[in-house]
Amino acid sequence: MALRPFLLLLLLLAATLLITQAQGIGSSALDCCLKNRPLKKEISGVVTSYRLQGPESGCYLRAVVLITKKNRKICASPTDDTVQKLMQQLDKKDKNDKSRKKGQRPRGRPKKQRRQRA
């Protein structure tokens, strides 16, 4: 008689696992590029950042995902010369932005210090 509640609990657990797996809960899959497209040179002013995609990120195709100002994603080949130059420009810009933020002085007028009464 004690076996019946155990089997019911086991069946309920198995059903829960199947449902969560079917819904994709806990999956770390990204939005992968399925093909790369050639880039135009004038795109450099529109792209704000990039990320690399490949088997290590769970995608079949190796690609550079370029993110535009309007948050659109463009898939490009990592071996393309234009893409490599664009990645270098973005890395350089990001490095300069970080170094500026570290040594940045506060903007505006400094606050007046109060005199301490002795």
PDB file of N, CA and C in Angstrom:
ATOM      1  N   MET A   1       0.812  -1.196   0.000  1.00  0.00           N
ATOM      2  CA  MET A   1       0.000   0.000   0.000  1.00  0.00           C
ATOM      3  C   MET A   1       0.858   1.264   0.000  1.00  0.00           C
ATOM      4  N   ALA A   2       2.033   1.244   0.628  1.00  0.00           N
ATOM      5  CA  ALA A   2       2.921   2.400   0.677  1.00  0.00           C
ATOM      6  C   ALA A   2       3.613   2.606  -0.668  1.00  0.00           C
ATOM      7  N   LEU A   3       3.584   1.614  -1.516  1.00  0.00           N
ATOM      8  CA  LEU A   3       4.215   1.699  -2.828  1.00  0.00           C
ATOM      9  C   LEU A   3       3.408   2.584  -3.782  1.00  0.00           C
ATOM     10  N   ARG A   4       2.106   2.614  -3.576  1.00  0.00           N
ATOM     11  CA  ARG A   4       1.227   3.380  -4.461  1.00  0.00           C
ATOM     12  C   ARG A   4       1.515   4.897  -4.414  1.00  0.00           C
ATOM     13  N   PRO A   5       1.606   5.537  -3.256  1.00  0.00           N
ATOM     14  CA  PRO A   5       1.936   6.976  -3.232  1.00  0.00           C
ATOM     15  C   PRO A   5       3.327   7.272  -3.792  1.00  0.00           C
ATOM     16  N   PHE A   6       4.259   6.349  -3.573  1.00  0.00           N
ATOM     17  CA  PHE A   6       5.612   6.527  -4.100  1.00  0.00           C
ATOM     18  C   PHE A   6       5.598   6.512  -5.627  1.00  0.00           C
ATOM     19  N   LEU A   7       4.866   5.579  -6.238  1.00  0.00           N
ATOM     20  CA  LEU A   7       4.768   5.511  -7.688  1.00  0.00           C
ATOM     21  C   LEU A   7       4.078   6.752  -8.253  1.00  0.00           C
ATOM     22  N   LEU A   8       3.044   7.222  -7.549  1.00  0.00           N
ATOM     23  CA  LEU A   8       2.343   8.427  -7.974  1.00  0.00           C
ATOM     24  C   LEU A   8       3.275   9.640  -7.944  1.00  0.00           C
ATOM     25  N   LEU A   9       4.063   9.753  -6.890  1.00  0.00           N
ATOM     26  CA  LEU A   9       5.027  10.844  -6.776  1.00  0.00           C
ATOM     27  C   LEU A   9       6.093  10.743  -7.860  1.00  0.00           C
ATOM     28  N   LEU A  10       6.580   9.568  -8.137  1.00  0.00           N
ATOM     29  CA  LEU A  10       7.585   9.350  -9.169  1.00  0.00           C
ATOM     30  C   LEU A  10       7.033   9.714 -10.551  1.00  0.00           C
ATOM     31  N   LEU A  11       5.782   9.336 -10.818  1.00  0.00           N
ATOM     32  CA  LEU A  11       5.137   9.670 -12.090  1.00  0.00           C
ATOM     33  C   LEU A  11       4.952  11.181 -12.226  1.00  0.00           C
ATOM     34  N   LEU A  12       4.573  11.841 -11.153  1.00  0.00           N
ATOM     35  CA  LEU A  12       4.408  13.294 -11.162  1.00  0.00           C
ATOM     36  C   LEU A  12       5.748  13.995 -11.414  1.00  0.00           C
ATOM     37  N   LEU A  13       6.810  13.522 -10.812  1.00  0.00           N
ATOM     38  CA  LEU A  13       8.146  14.080 -11.013  1.00  0.00           C
ATOM     39  C   LEU A  13       8.602  13.908 -12.461  1.00  0.00           C
ATOM     40  N   ALA A  14       8.375  12.734 -13.027  1.00  0.00           N
ATOM     41  CA  ALA A  14       8.756  12.477 -14.422  1.00  0.00           C
ATOM     42  C   ALA A  14       7.973  13.382 -15.367  1.00  0.00           C
ATOM     43  N   ALA A  15       6.696  13.583 -15.111  1.00  0.00           N
ATOM     44  CA  ALA A  15       5.878  14.457 -15.959  1.00  0.00           C
ATOM     45  C   ALA A  15       6.377  15.896 -15.877  1.00  0.00           C
ATOM     46  N   THR A  16       6.741  16.346 -14.688  1.00  0.00           N
ATOM     47  CA  THR A  16       7.258  17.705 -14.507  1.00  0.00           C
ATOM     48  C   THR A  16       8.560  17.903 -15.272  1.00  0.00           C
ATOM     49  N   LEU A  17       9.444  16.918 -15.214  1.00  0.00           N
ATOM     50  CA  LEU A  17      10.713  17.014 -15.934  1.00  0.00           C
ATOM     51  C   LEU A  17      10.493  17.060 -17.444  1.00  0.00           C
ATOM     52  N   LEU A  18       9.559  16.267 -17.945  1.00  0.00           N
ATOM     53  CA  LEU A  18       9.275  16.275 -19.373  1.00  0.00           C
ATOM     54  C   LEU A  18       8.714  17.618 -19.831  1.00  0.00           C
ATOM     55  N   ILE A  19       7.837  18.202 -19.041  1.00  0.00           N
ATOM     56  CA  ILE A  19       7.228  19.481 -19.404  1.00  0.00           C
ATOM     57  C   ILE A  19       8.273  20.591 -19.414  1.00  0.00           C
ATOM     58  N   THR A  20       9.118  20.653 -18.396  1.00  0.00           N
ATOM     59  CA  THR A  20      10.135  21.711 -18.345  1.00  0.00           C
ATOM     60  C   THR A  20      11.150  21.554 -19.462  1.00  0.00           C
ATOM     61  N   GLN A  21      11.476  20.329 -19.824  1.00  0.00           N
ATOM     62  CA  GLN A  21      12.420  20.107 -20.905  1.00  0.00           C
ATOM     63  C   GLN A  21      11.801  20.497 -22.242  1.00  0.00           C
ATOM     64  N   ALA A  22      10.530  20.234 -22.430  1.00  0.00           N
ATOM     65  CA  ALA A  22       9.855  20.587 -23.673  1.00  0.00           C
ATOM     66  C   ALA A  22       9.728  22.100 -23.826  1.00  0.00           C
ATOM     67  N   GLN A  23       9.585  22.808 -22.726  1.00  0.00           N
ATOM     68  CA  GLN A  23       9.459  24.260 -22.781  1.00  0.00           C
ATOM     69  C   GLN A  23      10.803  24.952 -22.933  1.00  0.00           C
ATOM     70  N   GLY A  24      11.891  24.241 -22.717  1.00  0.00           N
ATOM     71  CA  GLY A  24      13.211  24.829 -22.873  1.00  0.00           C
ATOM     72  C   GLY A  24      13.676  25.568 -21.643  1.00  0.00           C
ATOM     73  N   ILE A  25      13.071  25.327 -20.500  1.00  0.00           N
ATOM     74  CA  ILE A  25      13.497  25.997 -19.271  1.00  0.00           C
ATOM     75  C   ILE A  25      14.883  25.490 -18.908  1.00  0.00           C
ATOM     76  N   GLY A  26      15.753  26.403 -18.608  1.00  0.00           N
ATOM     77  CA  GLY A  26      17.105  26.034 -18.218  1.00  0.00           C
ATOM     78  C   GLY A  26      18.043  25.898 -19.402  1.00  0.00           C
ATOM     79  N   SER A  27      17.569  26.105 -20.614  1.00  0.00           N
ATOM     80  CA  SER A  27      18.476  26.000 -21.749  1.00  0.00           C
ATOM     81  C   SER A  27      19.236  27.307 -21.888  1.00  0.00           C
ATOM     82  N   SER A  28      20.477  27.201 -22.298  1.00  0.00           N
ATOM     83  CA  SER A  28      21.306  28.399 -22.435  1.00  0.00           C
ATOM     84  C   SER A  28      21.539  28.728 -23.906  1.00  0.00           C
ATOM     85  N   ALA A  29      20.643  28.285 -24.774  1.00  0.00           N
ATOM     86  CA  ALA A  29      20.812  28.528 -26.202  1.00  0.00           C
ATOM     87  C   ALA A  29      20.623  30.014 -26.515  1.00  0.00           C
ATOM     88  N   LEU A  30      21.506  30.519 -27.346  1.00  0.00           N
ATOM     89  CA  LEU A  30      21.423  31.901 -27.790  1.00  0.00           C
ATOM     90  C   LEU A  30      20.659  31.961 -29.102  1.00  0.00           C
ATOM     91  N   ASP A  31      20.425  33.139 -29.545  1.00  0.00           N
ATOM     92  CA  ASP A  31      19.841  33.350 -30.856  1.00  0.00           C
ATOM     93  C   ASP A  31      20.984  33.238 -31.857  1.00  0.00           C
ATOM     94  N   CYS A  32      21.150  32.075 -32.472  1.00  0.00           N
ATOM     95  CA  CYS A  32      22.299  31.799 -33.330  1.00  0.00           C
ATOM     96  C   CYS A  32      22.077  32.261 -34.768  1.00  0.00           C
ATOM     97  N   CYS A  33      23.157  32.707 -35.390  1.00  0.00           N
ATOM     98  CA  CYS A  33      23.133  33.038 -36.814  1.00  0.00           C
ATOM     99  C   CYS A  33      23.129  31.743 -37.609  1.00  0.00           C
ATOM    100  N   LEU A  34      22.344  31.706 -38.669  1.00  0.00           N
ATOM    101  CA  LEU A  34      22.294  30.535 -39.530  1.00  0.00           C
ATOM    102  C   LEU A  34      23.124  30.721 -40.796  1.00  0.00           C
ATOM    103  N   LYS A  35      23.368  31.975 -41.176  1.00  0.00           N
ATOM    104  CA  LYS A  35      24.253  32.250 -42.308  1.00  0.00           C
ATOM    105  C   LYS A  35      24.846  33.644 -42.146  1.00  0.00           C
ATOM    106  N   ASN A  36      26.002  33.844 -42.753  1.00  0.00           N
ATOM    107  CA  ASN A  36      26.682  35.131 -42.723  1.00  0.00           C
ATOM    108  C   ASN A  36      26.348  35.908 -43.986  1.00  0.00           C
ATOM    109  N   ARG A  37      26.327  37.228 -43.863  1.00  0.00           N
ATOM    110  CA  ARG A  37      26.090  38.044 -45.043  1.00  0.00           C
ATOM    111  C   ARG A  37      27.257  39.006 -45.232  1.00  0.00           C
ATOM    112  N   PRO A  38      27.551  39.359 -46.485  1.00  0.00           N
ATOM    113  CA  PRO A  38      28.653  40.298 -46.729  1.00  0.00           C
ATOM    114  C   PRO A  38      28.288  41.694 -46.225  1.00  0.00           C
ATOM    115  N   LEU A  39      29.291  42.417 -45.751  1.00  0.00           N
ATOM    116  CA  LEU A  39      29.064  43.758 -45.199  1.00  0.00           C
ATOM    117  C   LEU A  39      29.380  44.843 -46.205  1.00  0.00           C
ATOM    118  N   LYS A  40      28.710  45.964 -46.022  1.00  0.00           N
ATOM    119  CA  LYS A  40      29.026  47.167 -46.780  1.00  0.00           C
ATOM    120  C   LYS A  40      29.948  48.016 -45.912  1.00  0.00           C
ATOM    121  N   LYS A  41      30.787  48.790 -46.504  1.00  0.00           N
ATOM    122  CA  LYS A  41      31.759  49.587 -45.744  1.00  0.00           C
ATOM    123  C   LYS A  41      31.115  50.665 -44.895  1.00  0.00           C
ATOM    124  N   GLU A  42      29.969  51.211 -45.310  1.00  0.00           N
ATOM    125  CA  GLU A  42      29.360  52.324 -44.580  1.00  0.00           C
ATOM    126  C   GLU A  42      28.652  51.878 -43.298  1.00  0.00           C
ATOM    127  N   ILE A  43      28.715  50.626 -42.961  1.00  0.00           N
ATOM    128  CA  ILE A  43      28.025  50.128 -41.774  1.00  0.00           C
ATOM    129  C   ILE A  43      28.774  50.475 -40.484  1.00  0.00           C
ATOM    130  N   SER A  44      30.034  50.874 -40.567  1.00  0.00           N
ATOM    131  CA  SER A  44      30.851  51.101 -39.375  1.00  0.00           C
ATOM    132  C   SER A  44      30.282  52.167 -38.441  1.00  0.00           C
ATOM    133  N   GLY A  45      29.587  53.164 -38.956  1.00  0.00           N
ATOM    134  CA  GLY A  45      29.019  54.206 -38.106  1.00  0.00           C
ATOM    135  C   GLY A  45      27.758  53.774 -37.386  1.00  0.00           C
ATOM    136  N   VAL A  46      27.186  52.666 -37.800  1.00  0.00           N
ATOM    137  CA  VAL A  46      25.919  52.199 -37.241  1.00  0.00           C
ATOM    138  C   VAL A  46      26.136  51.163 -36.138  1.00  0.00           C
ATOM    139  N   VAL A  47      27.237  50.429 -36.210  1.00  0.00           N
ATOM    140  CA  VAL A  47      27.494  49.325 -35.275  1.00  0.00           C
ATOM    141  C   VAL A  47      28.052  49.870 -33.961  1.00  0.00           C
ATOM    142  N   THR A  48      27.469  49.415 -32.841  1.00  0.00           N
ATOM    143  CA  THR A  48      27.921  49.874 -31.524  1.00  0.00           C
ATOM    144  C   THR A  48      28.729  48.821 -30.776  1.00  0.00           C
ATOM    145  N   SER A  49      28.462  47.536 -31.048  1.00  0.00           N
ATOM    146  CA  SER A  49      29.193  46.470 -30.360  1.00  0.00           C
ATOM    147  C   SER A  49      29.092  45.183 -31.165  1.00  0.00           C
ATOM    148  N   TYR A  50      29.762  44.154 -30.668  1.00  0.00           N
ATOM    149  CA  TYR A  50      29.718  42.856 -31.334  1.00  0.00           C
ATOM    150  C   TYR A  50      29.915  41.753 -30.305  1.00  0.00           C
ATOM    151  N   ARG A  51      29.577  40.538 -30.716  1.00  0.00           N
ATOM    152  CA  ARG A  51      29.887  39.356 -29.914  1.00  0.00           C
ATOM    153  C   ARG A  51      30.250  38.228 -30.867  1.00  0.00           C
ATOM    154  N   LEU A  52      31.057  37.303 -30.399  1.00  0.00           N
ATOM    155  CA  LEU A  52      31.474  36.174 -31.217  1.00  0.00           C
ATOM    156  C   LEU A  52      30.550  34.998 -30.961  1.00  0.00           C
ATOM    157  N   GLN A  53      30.297  34.241 -32.007  1.00  0.00           N
ATOM    158  CA  GLN A  53      29.434  33.071 -31.909  1.00  0.00           C
ATOM    159  C   GLN A  53      30.181  31.876 -32.486  1.00  0.00           C
ATOM    160  N   GLY A  54      30.002  30.727 -31.887  1.00  0.00           N
ATOM    161  CA  GLY A  54      30.636  29.513 -32.385  1.00  0.00           C
ATOM    162  C   GLY A  54      30.195  28.314 -31.570  1.00  0.00           C
ATOM    163  N   PRO A  55      30.848  27.175 -31.769  1.00  0.00           N
ATOM    164  CA  PRO A  55      30.471  25.962 -31.036  1.00  0.00           C
ATOM    165  C   PRO A  55      30.573  26.112 -29.518  1.00  0.00           C
ATOM    166  N   GLU A  56      31.508  26.945 -29.053  1.00  0.00           N
ATOM    167  CA  GLU A  56      31.656  27.138 -27.608  1.00  0.00           C
ATOM    168  C   GLU A  56      30.462  27.866 -27.000  1.00  0.00           C
ATOM    169  N   SER A  57      29.694  28.580 -27.834  1.00  0.00           N
ATOM    170  CA  SER A  57      28.500  29.274 -27.335  1.00  0.00           C
ATOM    171  C   SER A  57      27.217  28.521 -27.686  1.00  0.00           C
ATOM    172  N   GLY A  58      27.355  27.312 -28.240  1.00  0.00           N
ATOM    173  CA  GLY A  58      26.189  26.491 -28.538  1.00  0.00           C
ATOM    174  C   GLY A  58      25.630  26.675 -29.931  1.00  0.00           C
ATOM    175  N   CYS A  59      26.366  27.330 -30.820  1.00  0.00           N
ATOM    176  CA  CYS A  59      25.901  27.561 -32.188  1.00  0.00           C
ATOM    177  C   CYS A  59      26.796  26.801 -33.168  1.00  0.00           C
ATOM    178  N   TYR A  60      26.228  26.360 -34.277  1.00  0.00           N
ATOM    179  CA  TYR A  60      26.990  25.599 -35.267  1.00  0.00           C
ATOM    180  C   TYR A  60      27.908  26.476 -36.103  1.00  0.00           C
ATOM    181  N   LEU A  61      27.441  27.635 -36.475  1.00  0.00           N
ATOM    182  CA  LEU A  61      28.169  28.507 -37.384  1.00  0.00           C
ATOM    183  C   LEU A  61      29.061  29.482 -36.612  1.00  0.00           C
ATOM    184  N   ARG A  62      30.312  29.599 -37.050  1.00  0.00           N
ATOM    185  CA  ARG A  62      31.183  30.640 -36.497  1.00  0.00           C
ATOM    186  C   ARG A  62      30.816  31.956 -37.152  1.00  0.00           C
ATOM    187  N   ALA A  63      30.553  32.954 -36.347  1.00  0.00           N
ATOM    188  CA  ALA A  63      30.143  34.247 -36.890  1.00  0.00           C
ATOM    189  C   ALA A  63      30.441  35.352 -35.893  1.00  0.00           C
ATOM    190  N   VAL A  64      30.424  36.579 -36.397  1.00  0.00           N
ATOM    191  CA  VAL A  64      30.497  37.771 -35.567  1.00  0.00           C
ATOM    192  C   VAL A  64      29.116  38.401 -35.635  1.00  0.00           C
ATOM    193  N   VAL A  65      28.491  38.567 -34.482  1.00  0.00           N
ATOM    194  CA  VAL A  65      27.168  39.185 -34.433  1.00  0.00           C
ATOM    195  C   VAL A  65      27.371  40.653 -34.109  1.00  0.00           C
ATOM    196  N   LEU A  66      27.095  41.510 -35.092  1.00  0.00           N
ATOM    197  CA  LEU A  66      27.247  42.951 -34.935  1.00  0.00           C
ATOM    198  C   LEU A  66      25.925  43.532 -34.439  1.00  0.00           C
ATOM    199  N   ILE A  67      25.978  44.360 -33.402  1.00  0.00           N
ATOM    200  CA  ILE A  67      24.772  44.969 -32.846  1.00  0.00           C
ATOM    201  C   ILE A  67      24.765  46.443 -33.234  1.00  0.00           C
ATOM    202  N   THR A  68      23.662  46.876 -33.844  1.00  0.00           N
ATOM    203  CA  THR A  68      23.549  48.244 -34.338  1.00  0.00           C
ATOM    204  C   THR A  68      22.960  49.166 -33.276  1.00  0.00           C
ATOM    205  N   LYS A  69      22.898  50.457 -33.591  1.00  0.00           N
ATOM    206  CA  LYS A  69      22.331  51.450 -32.675  1.00  0.00           C
ATOM    207  C   LYS A  69      20.862  51.171 -32.402  1.00  0.00           C
ATOM    208  N   LYS A  70      20.160  50.588 -33.371  1.00  0.00           N
ATOM    209  CA  LYS A  70      18.748  50.259 -33.200  1.00  0.00           C
ATOM    210  C   LYS A  70      18.564  48.858 -32.631  1.00  0.00           C
ATOM    211  N   ASN A  71      19.638  48.279 -32.084  1.00  0.00           N
ATOM    212  CA  ASN A  71      19.653  46.968 -31.448  1.00  0.00           C
ATOM    213  C   ASN A  71      19.295  45.841 -32.426  1.00  0.00           C
ATOM    214  N   ARG A  72      19.640  46.018 -33.679  1.00  0.00           N
ATOM    215  CA  ARG A  72      19.472  44.957 -34.664  1.00  0.00           C
ATOM    216  C   ARG A  72      20.757  44.154 -34.727  1.00  0.00           C
ATOM    217  N   LYS A  73      20.619  42.889 -35.098  1.00  0.00           N
ATOM    218  CA  LYS A  73      21.775  42.005 -35.149  1.00  0.00           C
ATOM    219  C   LYS A  73      22.092  41.639 -36.593  1.00  0.00           C
ATOM    220  N   ILE A  74      23.369  41.756 -36.963  1.00  0.00           N
ATOM    221  CA  ILE A  74      23.829  41.429 -38.300  1.00  0.00           C
ATOM    222  C   ILE A  74      24.893  40.340 -38.165  1.00  0.00           C
ATOM    223  N   CYS A  75      24.715  39.255 -38.890  1.00  0.00           N
ATOM    224  CA  CYS A  75      25.665  38.144 -38.843  1.00  0.00           C
ATOM    225  C   CYS A  75      26.709  38.327 -39.941  1.00  0.00           C
ATOM    226  N   ALA A  76      27.976  38.250 -39.568  1.00  0.00           N
ATOM    227  CA  ALA A  76      29.051  38.444 -40.531  1.00  0.00           C
ATOM    228  C   ALA A  76      30.139  37.403 -40.306  1.00  0.00           C
ATOM    229  N   SER A  77      30.913  37.171 -41.343  1.00  0.00           N
ATOM    230  CA  SER A  77      31.997  36.195 -41.276  1.00  0.00           C
ATOM    231  C   SER A  77      33.168  36.752 -40.470  1.00  0.00           C
ATOM    232  N   PRO A  78      33.722  35.968 -39.548  1.00  0.00           N
ATOM    233  CA  PRO A  78      34.866  36.458 -38.760  1.00  0.00           C
ATOM    234  C   PRO A  78      36.154  36.554 -39.572  1.00  0.00           C
ATOM    235  N   THR A  79      36.190  35.955 -40.762  1.00  0.00           N
ATOM    236  CA  THR A  79      37.403  36.022 -41.585  1.00  0.00           C
ATOM    237  C   THR A  79      37.382  37.190 -42.562  1.00  0.00           C
ATOM    238  N   ASP A  80      36.274  37.893 -42.661  1.00  0.00           N
ATOM    239  CA  ASP A  80      36.148  39.040 -43.565  1.00  0.00           C
ATOM    240  C   ASP A  80      37.022  40.191 -43.056  1.00  0.00           C
ATOM    241  N   ASP A  81      37.811  40.788 -43.961  1.00  0.00           N
ATOM    242  CA  ASP A  81      38.711  41.883 -43.580  1.00  0.00           C
ATOM    243  C   ASP A  81      37.959  43.080 -43.010  1.00  0.00           C
ATOM    244  N   THR A  82      36.816  43.424 -43.619  1.00  0.00           N
ATOM    245  CA  THR A  82      36.021  44.558 -43.147  1.00  0.00           C
ATOM    246  C   THR A  82      35.540  44.325 -41.725  1.00  0.00           C
ATOM    247  N   VAL A  83      35.131  43.100 -41.440  1.00  0.00           N
ATOM    248  CA  VAL A  83      34.637  42.752 -40.104  1.00  0.00           C
ATOM    249  C   VAL A  83      35.763  42.832 -39.085  1.00  0.00           C
ATOM    250  N   GLN A  84      36.935  42.337 -39.447  1.00  0.00           N
ATOM    251  CA  GLN A  84      38.069  42.374 -38.524  1.00  0.00           C
ATOM    252  C   GLN A  84      38.482  43.818 -38.213  1.00  0.00           C
ATOM    253  N   LYS A  85      38.476  44.686 -39.215  1.00  0.00           N
ATOM    254  CA  LYS A  85      38.810  46.096 -38.987  1.00  0.00           C
ATOM    255  C   LYS A  85      37.768  46.764 -38.092  1.00  0.00           C
ATOM    256  N   LEU A  86      36.510  46.430 -38.332  1.00  0.00           N
ATOM    257  CA  LEU A  86      35.428  46.988 -37.521  1.00  0.00           C
ATOM    258  C   LEU A  86      35.545  46.530 -36.070  1.00  0.00           C
ATOM    259  N   MET A  87      35.876  45.263 -35.869  1.00  0.00           N
ATOM    260  CA  MET A  87      36.064  44.749 -34.503  1.00  0.00           C
ATOM    261  C   MET A  87      37.216  45.466 -33.808  1.00  0.00           C
ATOM    262  N   GLN A  88      38.303  45.706 -34.528  1.00  0.00           N
ATOM    263  CA  GLN A  88      39.444  46.429 -33.947  1.00  0.00           C
ATOM    264  C   GLN A  88      39.054  47.853 -33.569  1.00  0.00           C
ATOM    265  N   GLN A  89      38.290  48.520 -34.432  1.00  0.00           N
ATOM    266  CA  GLN A  89      37.836  49.880 -34.129  1.00  0.00           C
ATOM    267  C   GLN A  89      36.964  49.897 -32.878  1.00  0.00           C
ATOM    268  N   LEU A  90      36.052  48.925 -32.776  1.00  0.00           N
ATOM    269  CA  LEU A  90      35.164  48.871 -31.608  1.00  0.00           C
ATOM    270  C   LEU A  90      35.942  48.566 -30.333  1.00  0.00           C
ATOM    271  N   ASP A  91      36.928  47.662 -30.426  1.00  0.00           N
ATOM    272  CA  ASP A  91      37.761  47.355 -29.259  1.00  0.00           C
ATOM    273  C   ASP A  91      38.546  48.574 -28.810  1.00  0.00           C
ATOM    274  N   LYS A  92      39.104  49.306 -29.771  1.00  0.00           N
ATOM    275  CA  LYS A  92      39.887  50.503 -29.453  1.00  0.00           C
ATOM    276  C   LYS A  92      39.007  51.570 -28.811  1.00  0.00           C
ATOM    277  N   LYS A  93      37.820  51.755 -29.369  1.00  0.00           N
ATOM    278  CA  LYS A  93      36.885  52.739 -28.825  1.00  0.00           C
ATOM    279  C   LYS A  93      36.460  52.360 -27.410  1.00  0.00           C
ATOM    280  N   ASP A  94      36.190  51.083 -27.196  1.00  0.00           N
ATOM    281  CA  ASP A  94      35.782  50.604 -25.869  1.00  0.00           C
ATOM    282  C   ASP A  94      36.901  50.795 -24.858  1.00  0.00           C
ATOM    283  N   LYS A  95      38.137  50.534 -25.279  1.00  0.00           N
ATOM    284  CA  LYS A  95      39.292  50.710 -24.389  1.00  0.00           C
ATOM    285  C   LYS A  95      39.464  52.182 -24.022  1.00  0.00           C
ATOM    286  N   ASN A  96      39.313  53.070 -25.007  1.00  0.00           N
ATOM    287  CA  ASN A  96      39.431  54.511 -24.744  1.00  0.00           C
ATOM    288  C   ASN A  96      38.324  54.997 -23.819  1.00  0.00           C
ATOM    289  N   ASP A  97      37.109  54.501 -24.028  1.00  0.00           N
ATOM    290  CA  ASP A  97      35.988  54.896 -23.167  1.00  0.00           C
ATOM    291  C   ASP A  97      36.223  54.471 -21.722  1.00  0.00           C
ATOM    292  N   LYS A  98      36.766  53.272 -21.534  1.00  0.00           N
ATOM    293  CA  LYS A  98      37.020  52.782 -20.171  1.00  0.00           C
ATOM    294  C   LYS A  98      38.133  53.578 -19.501  1.00  0.00           C
ATOM    295  N   SER A  99      39.177  53.927 -20.261  1.00  0.00           N
ATOM    296  CA  SER A  99      40.277  54.681 -19.662  1.00  0.00           C
ATOM    297  C   SER A  99      39.825  56.102 -19.320  1.00  0.00           C
ATOM    298  N   ARG A 100      38.924  56.661 -20.113  1.00  0.00           N
ATOM    299  CA  ARG A 100      38.400  57.997 -19.806  1.00  0.00           C
ATOM    300  C   ARG A 100      37.568  57.973 -18.534  1.00  0.00           C
ATOM    301  N   LYS A 101      36.785  56.939 -18.360  1.00  0.00           N
ATOM    302  CA  LYS A 101      35.914  56.860 -17.184  1.00  0.00           C
ATOM    303  C   LYS A 101      36.721  56.695 -15.902  1.00  0.00           C
ATOM    304  N   LYS A 102      37.858  55.985 -15.984  1.00  0.00           N
ATOM    305  CA  LYS A 102      38.677  55.788 -14.785  1.00  0.00           C
ATOM    306  C   LYS A 102      39.286  57.104 -14.299  1.00  0.00           C
ATOM    307  N   GLY A 103      39.831  57.893 -15.216  1.00  0.00           N
ATOM    308  CA  GLY A 103      40.503  59.129 -14.830  1.00  0.00           C
ATOM    309  C   GLY A 103      39.624  60.350 -14.981  1.00  0.00           C
ATOM    310  N   GLN A 104      38.346  60.143 -15.055  1.00  0.00           N
ATOM    311  CA  GLN A 104      37.428  61.258 -15.311  1.00  0.00           C
ATOM    312  C   GLN A 104      37.227  62.093 -14.055  1.00  0.00           C
ATOM    313  N   ARG A 105      37.310  63.407 -14.222  1.00  0.00           N
ATOM    314  CA  ARG A 105      37.035  64.318 -13.129  1.00  0.00           C
ATOM    315  C   ARG A 105      35.542  64.576 -13.066  1.00  0.00           C
ATOM    316  N   PRO A 106      35.031  64.925 -11.911  1.00  0.00           N
ATOM    317  CA  PRO A 106      33.609  65.244 -11.833  1.00  0.00           C
ATOM    318  C   PRO A 106      33.296  66.485 -12.658  1.00  0.00           C
ATOM    319  N   ARG A 107      32.168  66.475 -13.294  1.00  0.00           N
ATOM    320  CA  ARG A 107      31.772  67.611 -14.126  1.00  0.00           C
ATOM    321  C   ARG A 107      31.163  68.707 -13.285  1.00  0.00           C
ATOM    322  N   GLY A 108      31.204  69.909 -13.818  1.00  0.00           N
ATOM    323  CA  GLY A 108      30.589  71.031 -13.122  1.00  0.00           C
ATOM    324  C   GLY A 108      31.541  71.674 -12.132  1.00  0.00           C
ATOM    325  N   ARG A 109      31.000  72.607 -11.388  1.00  0.00           N
ATOM    326  CA  ARG A 109      31.809  73.319 -10.412  1.00  0.00           C
ATOM    327  C   ARG A 109      31.937  72.482  -9.150  1.00  0.00           C
ATOM    328  N   PRO A 110      33.097  72.523  -8.523  1.00  0.00           N
ATOM    329  CA  PRO A 110      33.252  71.779  -7.267  1.00  0.00           C
ATOM    330  C   PRO A 110      32.423  72.431  -6.167  1.00  0.00           C
ATOM    331  N   LYS A 111      31.948  71.595  -5.255  1.00  0.00           N
ATOM    332  CA  LYS A 111      31.154  72.125  -4.140  1.00  0.00           C
ATOM    333  C   LYS A 111      32.057  72.921  -3.206  1.00  0.00           C
ATOM    334  N   LYS A 112      31.501  73.999  -2.655  1.00  0.00           N
ATOM    335  CA  LYS A 112      32.261  74.797  -1.701  1.00  0.00           C
ATOM    336  C   LYS A 112      32.368  74.015  -0.404  1.00  0.00           C
ATOM    337  N   GLN A 113      33.564  74.036   0.150  1.00  0.00           N
ATOM    338  CA  GLN A 113      33.744  73.331   1.417  1.00  0.00           C
ATOM    339  C   GLN A 113      33.324  74.239   2.557  1.00  0.00           C
ATOM    340  N   ARG A 114      32.669  73.652   3.497  1.00  0.00           N
ATOM    341  CA  ARG A 114      32.235  74.435   4.659  1.00  0.00           C
ATOM    342  C   ARG A 114      33.412  74.641   5.586  1.00  0.00           C
ATOM    343  N   ARG A 115      33.410  75.810   6.197  1.00  0.00           N
ATOM    344  CA  ARG A 115      34.451  76.077   7.186  1.00  0.00           C
ATOM    345  C   ARG A 115      34.093  75.362   8.469  1.00  0.00           C
ATOM    346  N   GLN A 116      35.081  74.744   9.017  1.00  0.00           N
ATOM    347  CA  GLN A 116      34.846  74.086  10.304  1.00  0.00           C
ATOM    348  C   GLN A 116      35.075  75.077  11.417  1.00  0.00           C
ATOM    349  N   ARG A 117      34.140  75.143  12.319  1.00  0.00           N
ATOM    350  CA  ARG A 117      34.278  76.057  13.451  1.00  0.00           C
ATOM    351  C   ARG A 117      35.170  75.428  14.501  1.00  0.00           C
ATOM    352  N   ALA A 118      36.074  76.238  15.015  1.00  0.00           N
ATOM    353  CA  ALA A 118      37.013  75.729  16.022  1.00  0.00           C
ATOM    354  C   ALA A 118      36.553  76.003  17.411  1.00  0.00           C
TER     355      ALA A 118
END
